[in-house]
Amino acid sequence: MNLTSALAWRDISSKIRLRFPCIRNIIDAGLLTEKEYEKLQDINEPSPGIRWLTPLHWVQQLIDAEIAAGRGNTTYVSIAMNELKAFRVSFRRLYCNDWVCVPLVYTQVAALATYSYFFFCLFGRQDLNSDDFYSLDAFFPLFTVVQFLFFVGWFKNCPRIRTVMYQNCPNQNCPSRTVVSELSRSECSIRTDPNQNNPV
């Protein structure tokens, strides 16, 4: 489940992708083995969008193996499967929200406001008094063009400036540190049976 979290957050969050630029970095973090990596790559080639689901299928296969061996308590298995389903549904919902950004993010709102404002400026700043026969002293809308350049320039540069400022911020790796600390905390919560080599 930790591997699913890392794979899913890596696809959704750009900050987590900075922490895990490729799947090899997940191996270096100790969340994935070479054999599991090869299986993930084989699954990822035909259908790249479901790589994060694969570890959940592995968990389900482990639970099925425990049931087949007669070591599974029905109540605990039912609880585990329900939690696994809720975990999968929550990440699927995150993926859906990542595909369609509702509500609109700042850049979309700023783009819509900027371009709408200047679209209405095309009509609002025209000379429509045809009854007044006086000569126009402005053949070129200089101030409107300057205003357009400033507004669109600010709009285009704001995300870049924010990115540069965020990268210089001491808390720039906060999402990455949060995920790593959550993964290490969940690994510490797994108790190991002294009679077995594998964690239970």
N, C-alpha and C. Protein backbone atom coordinates (compact mmCIF):
# COMPACT_ATOMS: atom_id res chain seq x y z
N MET A 1 0.83 -1.19 0.00
CA MET A 1 0.00 0.00 0.00
C MET A 1 0.87 1.25 0.00
N ASN A 2 2.04 1.16 0.64
CA ASN A 2 2.98 2.29 0.58
C ASN A 2 3.45 2.53 -0.86
N LEU A 3 3.69 1.43 -1.58
CA LEU A 3 4.12 1.56 -2.97
C LEU A 3 3.02 2.19 -3.82
N THR A 4 1.78 1.80 -3.58
CA THR A 4 0.67 2.41 -4.31
C THR A 4 0.59 3.90 -4.04
N SER A 5 0.77 4.30 -2.79
CA SER A 5 0.75 5.72 -2.44
C SER A 5 1.85 6.48 -3.18
N ALA A 6 3.05 5.91 -3.18
CA ALA A 6 4.17 6.59 -3.85
C ALA A 6 3.94 6.70 -5.35
N LEU A 7 3.45 5.62 -5.97
CA LEU A 7 3.21 5.65 -7.42
C LEU A 7 2.10 6.61 -7.79
N ALA A 8 1.02 6.59 -7.00
CA ALA A 8 -0.12 7.45 -7.31
C ALA A 8 0.22 8.92 -7.09
N TRP A 9 0.83 9.24 -5.96
CA TRP A 9 1.18 10.64 -5.70
C TRP A 9 2.22 11.14 -6.67
N ARG A 10 3.07 10.26 -7.16
CA ARG A 10 4.07 10.65 -8.15
C ARG A 10 3.41 11.08 -9.45
N ASP A 11 2.32 10.42 -9.82
CA ASP A 11 1.59 10.79 -11.04
C ASP A 11 0.76 12.05 -10.85
N ILE A 12 0.29 12.30 -9.64
CA ILE A 12 -0.63 13.42 -9.40
C ILE A 12 0.12 14.70 -9.07
N SER A 13 1.11 14.63 -8.19
CA SER A 13 1.76 15.82 -7.66
C SER A 13 3.12 16.05 -8.31
N SER A 14 3.35 17.27 -8.80
CA SER A 14 4.65 17.60 -9.37
C SER A 14 5.73 17.66 -8.31
N LYS A 15 5.36 18.01 -7.07
CA LYS A 15 6.35 18.07 -5.99
C LYS A 15 6.85 16.67 -5.61
N ILE A 16 5.93 15.70 -5.63
CA ILE A 16 6.35 14.32 -5.34
C ILE A 16 7.18 13.77 -6.50
N ARG A 17 6.86 14.22 -7.72
CA ARG A 17 7.67 13.79 -8.87
C ARG A 17 9.10 14.33 -8.78
N LEU A 18 9.28 15.48 -8.13
CA LEU A 18 10.64 15.97 -7.90
C LEU A 18 11.39 15.05 -6.95
N ARG A 19 10.67 14.48 -5.99
CA ARG A 19 11.29 13.54 -5.03
C ARG A 19 11.56 12.19 -5.69
N PHE A 20 10.62 11.73 -6.53
CA PHE A 20 10.77 10.46 -7.25
C PHE A 20 10.68 10.73 -8.76
N PRO A 21 11.75 11.22 -9.39
CA PRO A 21 11.66 11.53 -10.83
C PRO A 21 11.40 10.30 -11.70
N CYS A 22 11.92 9.16 -11.29
CA CYS A 22 11.65 7.93 -12.03
C CYS A 22 11.41 6.80 -11.02
N ILE A 23 11.00 5.66 -11.54
CA ILE A 23 10.66 4.54 -10.66
C ILE A 23 11.90 4.02 -9.94
N ARG A 24 13.06 4.21 -10.55
CA ARG A 24 14.31 3.78 -9.89
C ARG A 24 14.52 4.47 -8.55
N ASN A 25 14.04 5.70 -8.43
CA ASN A 25 14.17 6.40 -7.15
C ASN A 25 13.30 5.76 -6.07
N ILE A 26 12.19 5.15 -6.47
CA ILE A 26 11.36 4.42 -5.50
C ILE A 26 12.08 3.18 -5.02
N ILE A 27 12.86 2.56 -5.91
CA ILE A 27 13.69 1.42 -5.50
C ILE A 27 14.73 1.88 -4.49
N ASP A 28 15.36 3.04 -4.77
CA ASP A 28 16.37 3.56 -3.84
C ASP A 28 15.77 3.90 -2.48
N ALA A 29 14.48 4.29 -2.47
CA ALA A 29 13.82 4.62 -1.20
C ALA A 29 13.43 3.36 -0.42
N GLY A 30 13.58 2.18 -1.04
CA GLY A 30 13.27 0.93 -0.34
C GLY A 30 11.82 0.51 -0.41
N LEU A 31 11.05 1.12 -1.31
CA LEU A 31 9.64 0.75 -1.42
C LEU A 31 9.38 -0.28 -2.50
N LEU A 32 10.39 -0.59 -3.30
CA LEU A 32 10.21 -1.47 -4.45
C LEU A 32 11.47 -2.30 -4.63
N THR A 33 11.30 -3.56 -5.02
CA THR A 33 12.44 -4.42 -5.32
C THR A 33 12.63 -4.49 -6.84
N GLU A 34 13.76 -5.04 -7.25
CA GLU A 34 14.04 -5.15 -8.68
C GLU A 34 13.04 -6.07 -9.38
N LYS A 35 12.68 -7.15 -8.70
CA LYS A 35 11.72 -8.09 -9.29
C LYS A 35 10.36 -7.44 -9.45
N GLU A 36 9.94 -6.69 -8.45
CA GLU A 36 8.66 -5.97 -8.55
C GLU A 36 8.73 -4.88 -9.62
N TYR A 37 9.90 -4.26 -9.74
CA TYR A 37 10.08 -3.24 -10.77
C TYR A 37 9.89 -3.82 -12.16
N GLU A 38 10.46 -5.01 -12.40
CA GLU A 38 10.31 -5.65 -13.70
C GLU A 38 8.85 -5.99 -13.99
N LYS A 39 8.14 -6.46 -12.97
CA LYS A 39 6.72 -6.75 -13.16
C LYS A 39 5.93 -5.49 -13.46
N LEU A 40 6.25 -4.41 -12.75
CA LEU A 40 5.55 -3.14 -13.00
C LEU A 40 5.81 -2.63 -14.42
N GLN A 41 7.05 -2.78 -14.90
CA GLN A 41 7.37 -2.32 -16.24
C GLN A 41 6.63 -3.16 -17.29
N ASP A 42 6.51 -4.48 -17.05
CA ASP A 42 5.77 -5.33 -17.98
C ASP A 42 4.30 -4.95 -18.04
N ILE A 43 3.74 -4.59 -16.88
CA ILE A 43 2.33 -4.19 -16.83
C ILE A 43 2.14 -2.80 -17.41
N ASN A 44 3.14 -1.93 -17.22
CA ASN A 44 3.01 -0.54 -17.64
C ASN A 44 3.07 -0.36 -19.16
N GLU A 45 3.73 -1.27 -19.88
CA GLU A 45 3.85 -1.12 -21.32
C GLU A 45 2.51 -1.17 -22.04
N PRO A 46 1.67 -2.19 -21.82
CA PRO A 46 0.38 -2.19 -22.54
C PRO A 46 -0.62 -1.17 -22.01
N SER A 47 -0.63 -0.91 -20.71
CA SER A 47 -1.60 0.03 -20.14
C SER A 47 -0.91 0.87 -19.08
N PRO A 48 -0.38 2.05 -19.46
CA PRO A 48 0.41 2.84 -18.52
C PRO A 48 -0.37 3.50 -17.41
N GLY A 49 -1.69 3.59 -17.52
CA GLY A 49 -2.46 4.32 -16.51
C GLY A 49 -2.79 3.56 -15.25
N ILE A 50 -2.49 2.25 -15.23
CA ILE A 50 -2.93 1.45 -14.08
C ILE A 50 -1.75 0.92 -13.26
N ARG A 51 -0.58 1.52 -13.42
CA ARG A 51 0.58 1.01 -12.68
C ARG A 51 0.37 1.10 -11.18
N TRP A 52 -0.27 2.17 -10.72
CA TRP A 52 -0.46 2.36 -9.28
C TRP A 52 -1.42 1.33 -8.69
N LEU A 53 -2.27 0.69 -9.53
CA LEU A 53 -3.20 -0.32 -9.03
C LEU A 53 -2.53 -1.67 -8.78
N THR A 54 -1.40 -1.90 -9.42
CA THR A 54 -0.77 -3.23 -9.36
C THR A 54 -0.41 -3.66 -7.94
N PRO A 55 0.20 -2.80 -7.10
CA PRO A 55 0.48 -3.26 -5.72
C PRO A 55 -0.77 -3.63 -4.93
N LEU A 56 -1.89 -2.98 -5.23
CA LEU A 56 -3.13 -3.36 -4.54
C LEU A 56 -3.60 -4.75 -4.97
N HIS A 57 -3.36 -5.09 -6.23
CA HIS A 57 -3.67 -6.45 -6.67
C HIS A 57 -2.77 -7.47 -5.99
N TRP A 58 -1.52 -7.08 -5.76
CA TRP A 58 -0.61 -7.97 -5.03
C TRP A 58 -1.09 -8.20 -3.60
N VAL A 59 -1.57 -7.14 -2.96
CA VAL A 59 -2.11 -7.28 -1.60
C VAL A 59 -3.31 -8.22 -1.61
N GLN A 60 -4.16 -8.05 -2.61
CA GLN A 60 -5.35 -8.92 -2.70
C GLN A 60 -4.95 -10.37 -2.93
N GLN A 61 -3.91 -10.60 -3.73
CA GLN A 61 -3.44 -11.96 -3.96
C GLN A 61 -2.85 -12.57 -2.68
N LEU A 62 -2.17 -11.73 -1.88
CA LEU A 62 -1.64 -12.23 -0.60
C LEU A 62 -2.78 -12.63 0.34
N ILE A 63 -3.83 -11.82 0.36
CA ILE A 63 -4.98 -12.15 1.21
C ILE A 63 -5.64 -13.43 0.73
N ASP A 64 -5.78 -13.58 -0.61
CA ASP A 64 -6.37 -14.81 -1.16
C ASP A 64 -5.52 -16.03 -0.84
N ALA A 65 -4.19 -15.86 -0.86
CA ALA A 65 -3.30 -16.98 -0.52
C ALA A 65 -3.45 -17.38 0.94
N GLU A 66 -3.62 -16.38 1.82
CA GLU A 66 -3.83 -16.69 3.25
C GLU A 66 -5.15 -17.42 3.46
N ILE A 67 -6.19 -17.01 2.73
CA ILE A 67 -7.48 -17.70 2.85
C ILE A 67 -7.38 -19.13 2.34
N ALA A 68 -6.69 -19.32 1.20
CA ALA A 68 -6.54 -20.66 0.63
C ALA A 68 -5.74 -21.57 1.56
N ALA A 69 -4.81 -21.00 2.29
CA ALA A 69 -4.01 -21.80 3.22
C ALA A 69 -4.74 -22.06 4.53
N GLY A 70 -5.91 -21.46 4.70
CA GLY A 70 -6.70 -21.67 5.91
C GLY A 70 -6.23 -20.86 7.10
N ARG A 71 -5.48 -19.80 6.86
CA ARG A 71 -4.96 -18.99 7.96
C ARG A 71 -5.73 -17.67 8.12
N GLY A 72 -6.74 -17.46 7.31
CA GLY A 72 -7.43 -16.17 7.35
C GLY A 72 -8.70 -16.23 8.18
N ASN A 73 -8.85 -15.27 9.09
CA ASN A 73 -10.08 -15.11 9.83
C ASN A 73 -11.07 -14.34 8.96
N THR A 74 -12.30 -14.84 8.88
CA THR A 74 -13.29 -14.26 7.97
C THR A 74 -13.56 -12.79 8.28
N THR A 75 -13.65 -12.47 9.56
CA THR A 75 -13.92 -11.08 9.95
C THR A 75 -12.79 -10.16 9.55
N TYR A 76 -11.56 -10.59 9.83
CA TYR A 76 -10.41 -9.77 9.50
C TYR A 76 -10.23 -9.63 7.99
N VAL A 77 -10.49 -10.71 7.27
CA VAL A 77 -10.37 -10.66 5.81
C VAL A 77 -11.40 -9.69 5.24
N SER A 78 -12.61 -9.73 5.75
CA SER A 78 -13.65 -8.82 5.28
C SER A 78 -13.28 -7.35 5.56
N ILE A 79 -12.76 -7.11 6.75
CA ILE A 79 -12.34 -5.74 7.09
C ILE A 79 -11.19 -5.28 6.18
N ALA A 80 -10.23 -6.19 5.97
CA ALA A 80 -9.07 -5.85 5.12
C ALA A 80 -9.51 -5.55 3.69
N MET A 81 -10.43 -6.36 3.17
CA MET A 81 -10.88 -6.13 1.79
C MET A 81 -11.68 -4.84 1.67
N ASN A 82 -12.48 -4.52 2.67
CA ASN A 82 -13.22 -3.25 2.65
C ASN A 82 -12.28 -2.05 2.71
N GLU A 83 -11.25 -2.14 3.55
CA GLU A 83 -10.27 -1.05 3.63
C GLU A 83 -9.48 -0.93 2.33
N LEU A 84 -9.17 -2.06 1.73
CA LEU A 84 -8.46 -2.04 0.45
C LEU A 84 -9.31 -1.39 -0.64
N LYS A 85 -10.59 -1.70 -0.63
CA LYS A 85 -11.51 -1.10 -1.60
C LYS A 85 -11.63 0.42 -1.38
N ALA A 86 -11.75 0.84 -0.11
CA ALA A 86 -11.84 2.28 0.18
C ALA A 86 -10.56 3.00 -0.22
N PHE A 87 -9.42 2.35 0.00
CA PHE A 87 -8.14 2.92 -0.39
C PHE A 87 -8.07 3.12 -1.90
N ARG A 88 -8.51 2.09 -2.64
CA ARG A 88 -8.50 2.17 -4.10
C ARG A 88 -9.45 3.24 -4.61
N VAL A 89 -10.64 3.32 -4.02
CA VAL A 89 -11.63 4.32 -4.45
C VAL A 89 -11.13 5.73 -4.19
N SER A 90 -10.45 5.94 -3.06
CA SER A 90 -9.96 7.28 -2.74
C SER A 90 -8.90 7.72 -3.74
N PHE A 91 -8.01 6.82 -4.14
CA PHE A 91 -7.00 7.20 -5.12
C PHE A 91 -7.61 7.36 -6.51
N ARG A 92 -8.62 6.57 -6.82
CA ARG A 92 -9.29 6.75 -8.12
C ARG A 92 -9.98 8.12 -8.17
N ARG A 93 -10.54 8.54 -7.05
CA ARG A 93 -11.18 9.87 -6.99
C ARG A 93 -10.13 10.97 -7.15
N LEU A 94 -8.95 10.77 -6.56
CA LEU A 94 -7.87 11.74 -6.73
C LEU A 94 -7.46 11.85 -8.20
N TYR A 95 -7.39 10.71 -8.88
CA TYR A 95 -7.04 10.75 -10.30
C TYR A 95 -8.11 11.48 -11.11
N CYS A 96 -9.37 11.25 -10.80
CA CYS A 96 -10.44 11.95 -11.51
C CYS A 96 -10.37 13.45 -11.27
N ASN A 97 -10.10 13.87 -10.04
CA ASN A 97 -9.97 15.30 -9.74
C ASN A 97 -8.73 15.89 -10.39
N ASP A 98 -7.71 15.06 -10.61
CA ASP A 98 -6.50 15.55 -11.26
C ASP A 98 -6.73 15.77 -12.75
N TRP A 99 -7.59 14.97 -13.35
CA TRP A 99 -7.87 15.13 -14.78
C TRP A 99 -8.69 16.38 -15.05
N VAL A 100 -9.70 16.63 -14.23
CA VAL A 100 -10.56 17.80 -14.41
C VAL A 100 -10.45 18.66 -13.16
N CYS A 101 -9.88 19.86 -13.32
CA CYS A 101 -9.64 20.74 -12.18
C CYS A 101 -10.90 21.56 -11.89
N VAL A 102 -11.66 21.15 -10.91
CA VAL A 102 -12.83 21.91 -10.46
C VAL A 102 -12.69 22.08 -8.96
N PRO A 103 -12.69 23.27 -8.41
CA PRO A 103 -12.85 24.56 -9.08
C PRO A 103 -11.60 24.95 -9.85
N LEU A 104 -11.74 26.01 -10.66
CA LEU A 104 -10.64 26.45 -11.49
C LEU A 104 -9.47 26.92 -10.63
N VAL A 105 -8.28 26.60 -11.06
CA VAL A 105 -7.09 27.04 -10.34
C VAL A 105 -6.79 28.49 -10.70
N TYR A 106 -5.84 29.08 -9.99
CA TYR A 106 -5.55 30.50 -10.15
C TYR A 106 -5.20 30.86 -11.59
N THR A 107 -4.37 30.05 -12.24
CA THR A 107 -3.94 30.39 -13.60
C THR A 107 -5.10 30.40 -14.58
N GLN A 108 -6.05 29.47 -14.40
CA GLN A 108 -7.21 29.46 -15.30
C GLN A 108 -8.11 30.66 -15.06
N VAL A 109 -8.32 31.01 -13.80
CA VAL A 109 -9.13 32.19 -13.49
C VAL A 109 -8.47 33.46 -14.02
N ALA A 110 -7.16 33.57 -13.83
CA ALA A 110 -6.44 34.76 -14.31
C ALA A 110 -6.48 34.85 -15.82
N ALA A 111 -6.33 33.73 -16.51
CA ALA A 111 -6.39 33.74 -17.98
C ALA A 111 -7.77 34.15 -18.46
N LEU A 112 -8.81 33.57 -17.86
CA LEU A 112 -10.18 33.91 -18.26
C LEU A 112 -10.48 35.38 -18.01
N ALA A 113 -10.08 35.90 -16.87
CA ALA A 113 -10.35 37.31 -16.54
C ALA A 113 -9.58 38.25 -17.47
N THR A 114 -8.31 37.94 -17.72
CA THR A 114 -7.48 38.82 -18.55
C THR A 114 -8.00 38.87 -19.99
N TYR A 115 -8.23 37.72 -20.57
CA TYR A 115 -8.65 37.70 -21.97
C TYR A 115 -10.07 38.21 -22.14
N SER A 116 -10.94 37.96 -21.17
CA SER A 116 -12.31 38.49 -21.24
C SER A 116 -12.29 40.01 -21.16
N TYR A 117 -11.46 40.56 -20.27
CA TYR A 117 -11.37 42.01 -20.12
C TYR A 117 -10.96 42.67 -21.43
N PHE A 118 -9.96 42.13 -22.09
CA PHE A 118 -9.51 42.77 -23.33
C PHE A 118 -10.43 42.45 -24.50
N PHE A 119 -11.18 41.38 -24.44
CA PHE A 119 -12.20 41.13 -25.47
C PHE A 119 -13.28 42.21 -25.39
N PHE A 120 -13.70 42.55 -24.17
CA PHE A 120 -14.71 43.60 -24.03
C PHE A 120 -14.12 44.99 -24.29
N CYS A 121 -12.81 45.14 -24.10
CA CYS A 121 -12.17 46.41 -24.45
C CYS A 121 -12.24 46.68 -25.95
N LEU A 122 -12.26 45.63 -26.76
CA LEU A 122 -12.39 45.82 -28.21
C LEU A 122 -13.67 46.57 -28.57
N PHE A 123 -14.72 46.34 -27.82
CA PHE A 123 -16.00 46.99 -28.09
C PHE A 123 -16.18 48.27 -27.27
N GLY A 124 -15.72 48.25 -26.03
CA GLY A 124 -15.98 49.37 -25.13
C GLY A 124 -15.15 50.60 -25.42
N ARG A 125 -14.04 50.46 -26.10
CA ARG A 125 -13.17 51.61 -26.34
C ARG A 125 -13.23 52.11 -27.77
N GLN A 126 -14.29 51.80 -28.47
CA GLN A 126 -14.48 52.32 -29.82
C GLN A 126 -15.29 53.61 -29.80
N ASP A 127 -15.08 54.44 -30.81
CA ASP A 127 -15.84 55.68 -30.94
C ASP A 127 -17.10 55.39 -31.74
N LEU A 128 -18.26 55.36 -31.07
CA LEU A 128 -19.51 54.98 -31.71
C LEU A 128 -20.45 56.16 -31.93
N ASN A 129 -20.04 57.38 -31.61
CA ASN A 129 -20.89 58.56 -31.81
C ASN A 129 -20.78 59.01 -33.26
N SER A 130 -21.60 58.44 -34.11
CA SER A 130 -21.52 58.77 -35.53
C SER A 130 -22.12 60.13 -35.85
N ASP A 131 -22.94 60.71 -34.95
CA ASP A 131 -23.56 62.01 -35.21
C ASP A 131 -22.58 63.16 -35.00
N ASP A 132 -21.57 62.95 -34.18
CA ASP A 132 -20.59 64.00 -33.93
C ASP A 132 -19.50 63.92 -34.99
N PHE A 133 -19.41 64.97 -35.80
CA PHE A 133 -18.41 64.96 -36.86
C PHE A 133 -17.20 65.74 -36.39
N TYR A 134 -16.35 65.05 -35.64
CA TYR A 134 -15.10 65.66 -35.22
C TYR A 134 -13.97 64.70 -35.55
N SER A 135 -12.83 65.25 -35.73
CA SER A 135 -11.69 64.42 -36.12
C SER A 135 -11.13 63.68 -34.90
N LEU A 136 -10.81 62.43 -35.13
CA LEU A 136 -10.23 61.61 -34.07
C LEU A 136 -8.77 61.99 -33.89
N ASP A 137 -8.37 62.17 -32.66
CA ASP A 137 -6.98 62.51 -32.40
C ASP A 137 -6.15 61.29 -32.03
N ALA A 138 -6.78 60.11 -31.95
CA ALA A 138 -6.05 58.89 -31.61
C ALA A 138 -6.34 57.85 -32.67
N PHE A 139 -5.37 57.63 -33.55
CA PHE A 139 -5.54 56.63 -34.60
C PHE A 139 -5.07 55.25 -34.14
N PHE A 140 -4.26 55.24 -33.11
CA PHE A 140 -3.73 53.98 -32.59
C PHE A 140 -3.98 53.94 -31.08
N PRO A 141 -4.64 52.90 -30.57
CA PRO A 141 -4.94 52.85 -29.13
C PRO A 141 -3.69 52.50 -28.31
N LEU A 142 -2.85 53.48 -28.12
CA LEU A 142 -1.56 53.25 -27.48
C LEU A 142 -1.69 52.74 -26.06
N PHE A 143 -2.52 53.41 -25.26
CA PHE A 143 -2.62 53.02 -23.85
C PHE A 143 -3.29 51.66 -23.67
N THR A 144 -4.22 51.34 -24.55
CA THR A 144 -4.85 50.00 -24.48
C THR A 144 -3.82 48.92 -24.81
N VAL A 145 -2.97 49.17 -25.79
CA VAL A 145 -1.94 48.20 -26.15
C VAL A 145 -0.92 48.04 -25.02
N VAL A 146 -0.53 49.18 -24.43
CA VAL A 146 0.42 49.12 -23.30
C VAL A 146 -0.20 48.36 -22.13
N GLN A 147 -1.48 48.64 -21.87
CA GLN A 147 -2.18 47.94 -20.79
C GLN A 147 -2.27 46.45 -21.09
N PHE A 148 -2.55 46.11 -22.33
CA PHE A 148 -2.62 44.70 -22.73
C PHE A 148 -1.27 44.01 -22.51
N LEU A 149 -0.18 44.68 -22.92
CA LEU A 149 1.15 44.09 -22.74
C LEU A 149 1.49 43.89 -21.27
N PHE A 150 1.15 44.86 -20.43
CA PHE A 150 1.43 44.72 -19.01
C PHE A 150 0.59 43.61 -18.39
N PHE A 151 -0.71 43.60 -18.67
CA PHE A 151 -1.59 42.61 -18.06
C PHE A 151 -1.20 41.19 -18.48
N VAL A 152 -1.03 40.99 -19.78
CA VAL A 152 -0.69 39.65 -20.26
C VAL A 152 0.72 39.27 -19.82
N GLY A 153 1.63 40.23 -19.79
CA GLY A 153 2.98 39.94 -19.31
C GLY A 153 2.99 39.51 -17.85
N TRP A 154 2.24 40.25 -17.03
CA TRP A 154 2.14 39.85 -15.61
C TRP A 154 1.50 38.48 -15.47
N PHE A 155 0.46 38.27 -16.26
CA PHE A 155 -0.24 36.99 -16.19
C PHE A 155 0.69 35.83 -16.57
N LYS A 156 1.52 36.03 -17.58
CA LYS A 156 2.41 34.96 -18.03
C LYS A 156 3.59 34.76 -17.07
N ASN A 157 4.03 35.83 -16.43
CA ASN A 157 5.22 35.72 -15.58
C ASN A 157 4.92 35.35 -14.14
N CYS A 158 3.69 35.58 -13.68
CA CYS A 158 3.36 35.27 -12.28
C CYS A 158 3.60 33.81 -11.91
N PRO A 159 3.15 32.83 -12.71
CA PRO A 159 3.44 31.44 -12.32
C PRO A 159 4.93 31.14 -12.26
N ARG A 160 5.71 31.74 -13.18
CA ARG A 160 7.16 31.50 -13.16
C ARG A 160 7.81 32.10 -11.92
N ILE A 161 7.40 33.33 -11.59
CA ILE A 161 7.95 33.99 -10.40
C ILE A 161 7.59 33.21 -9.15
N ARG A 162 6.32 32.75 -9.09
CA ARG A 162 5.88 31.98 -7.93
C ARG A 162 6.67 30.68 -7.81
N THR A 163 6.96 30.02 -8.97
CA THR A 163 7.73 28.79 -8.95
C THR A 163 9.15 29.03 -8.44
N VAL A 164 9.78 30.12 -8.92
CA VAL A 164 11.14 30.45 -8.48
C VAL A 164 11.16 30.76 -6.99
N MET A 165 10.16 31.53 -6.53
CA MET A 165 10.10 31.86 -5.10
C MET A 165 9.84 30.61 -4.27
N TYR A 166 9.01 29.71 -4.78
CA TYR A 166 8.71 28.50 -4.03
C TYR A 166 9.92 27.58 -3.95
N GLN A 167 10.72 27.56 -5.05
CA GLN A 167 11.91 26.71 -5.02
C GLN A 167 12.95 27.23 -4.05
N ASN A 168 12.98 28.55 -3.83
CA ASN A 168 13.92 29.13 -2.86
C ASN A 168 13.40 29.06 -1.43
N CYS A 169 12.15 28.67 -1.26
CA CYS A 169 11.54 28.61 0.07
C CYS A 169 12.12 27.42 0.83
N PRO A 170 12.37 27.55 2.13
CA PRO A 170 12.91 26.40 2.89
C PRO A 170 11.94 25.24 3.00
N ASN A 171 10.63 25.51 2.80
CA ASN A 171 9.64 24.44 2.90
C ASN A 171 9.25 23.89 1.54
N GLN A 172 10.15 24.00 0.54
CA GLN A 172 9.79 23.59 -0.81
C GLN A 172 9.53 22.10 -0.90
N ASN A 173 10.19 21.31 -0.07
CA ASN A 173 10.02 19.86 -0.13
C ASN A 173 8.98 19.36 0.85
N CYS A 174 8.09 20.25 1.28
CA CYS A 174 7.10 19.87 2.29
C CYS A 174 6.21 18.71 1.84
N PRO A 175 5.61 18.73 0.61
CA PRO A 175 4.81 17.58 0.20
C PRO A 175 5.64 16.31 0.13
N SER A 176 6.86 16.42 -0.38
CA SER A 176 7.73 15.26 -0.47
C SER A 176 8.07 14.71 0.90
N ARG A 177 8.42 15.62 1.83
CA ARG A 177 8.75 15.17 3.19
C ARG A 177 7.54 14.55 3.87
N THR A 178 6.36 15.08 3.59
CA THR A 178 5.14 14.54 4.19
C THR A 178 4.91 13.11 3.75
N VAL A 179 5.04 12.88 2.43
CA VAL A 179 4.82 11.52 1.92
C VAL A 179 5.87 10.56 2.48
N VAL A 180 7.13 10.98 2.47
CA VAL A 180 8.19 10.10 2.97
C VAL A 180 8.00 9.80 4.45
N SER A 181 7.62 10.82 5.24
CA SER A 181 7.42 10.57 6.67
C SER A 181 6.22 9.67 6.92
N GLU A 182 5.16 9.84 6.11
CA GLU A 182 4.00 8.97 6.27
C GLU A 182 4.35 7.52 5.91
N LEU A 183 5.15 7.35 4.87
CA LEU A 183 5.55 6.00 4.48
C LEU A 183 6.42 5.36 5.55
N SER A 184 7.37 6.12 6.09
CA SER A 184 8.24 5.56 7.13
C SER A 184 7.46 5.28 8.41
N ARG A 185 6.47 6.14 8.73
CA ARG A 185 5.65 5.92 9.91
C ARG A 185 4.81 4.65 9.76
N SER A 186 4.27 4.43 8.54
CA SER A 186 3.46 3.23 8.35
C SER A 186 4.32 1.98 8.36
N GLU A 187 5.57 2.09 7.89
CA GLU A 187 6.47 0.93 7.97
C GLU A 187 6.82 0.60 9.41
N CYS A 188 6.95 1.62 10.25
CA CYS A 188 7.26 1.37 11.66
C CYS A 188 6.08 0.74 12.39
N SER A 189 4.87 0.98 11.89
CA SER A 189 3.70 0.44 12.57
C SER A 189 3.48 -1.04 12.25
N ILE A 190 4.21 -1.57 11.26
CA ILE A 190 4.08 -3.00 10.93
C ILE A 190 4.85 -3.79 11.96
N ARG A 191 4.15 -4.65 12.67
CA ARG A 191 4.85 -5.46 13.67
C ARG A 191 5.34 -6.74 13.01
N THR A 192 6.45 -7.23 13.46
CA THR A 192 7.05 -8.43 12.89
C THR A 192 6.87 -9.59 13.85
N ASP A 193 6.41 -10.71 13.30
CA ASP A 193 6.26 -11.91 14.09
C ASP A 193 7.65 -12.51 14.32
N PRO A 194 8.06 -12.75 15.56
CA PRO A 194 9.42 -13.28 15.80
C PRO A 194 9.63 -14.66 15.22
N ASN A 195 8.55 -15.42 14.97
CA ASN A 195 8.68 -16.77 14.43
C ASN A 195 8.76 -16.80 12.91
N GLN A 196 8.52 -15.64 12.26
CA GLN A 196 8.56 -15.59 10.81
C GLN A 196 9.55 -14.53 10.37
N ASN A 197 10.01 -14.69 9.12
CA ASN A 197 10.92 -13.70 8.55
C ASN A 197 10.17 -12.54 7.90
N ASN A 198 8.92 -12.77 7.58
CA ASN A 198 8.14 -11.75 6.89
C ASN A 198 7.28 -10.98 7.87
N PRO A 199 7.07 -9.68 7.63
CA PRO A 199 6.19 -8.92 8.50
C PRO A 199 4.74 -9.35 8.35
N VAL A 200 3.97 -9.26 9.45
CA VAL A 200 2.56 -9.64 9.40
C VAL A 200 1.71 -8.40 9.49
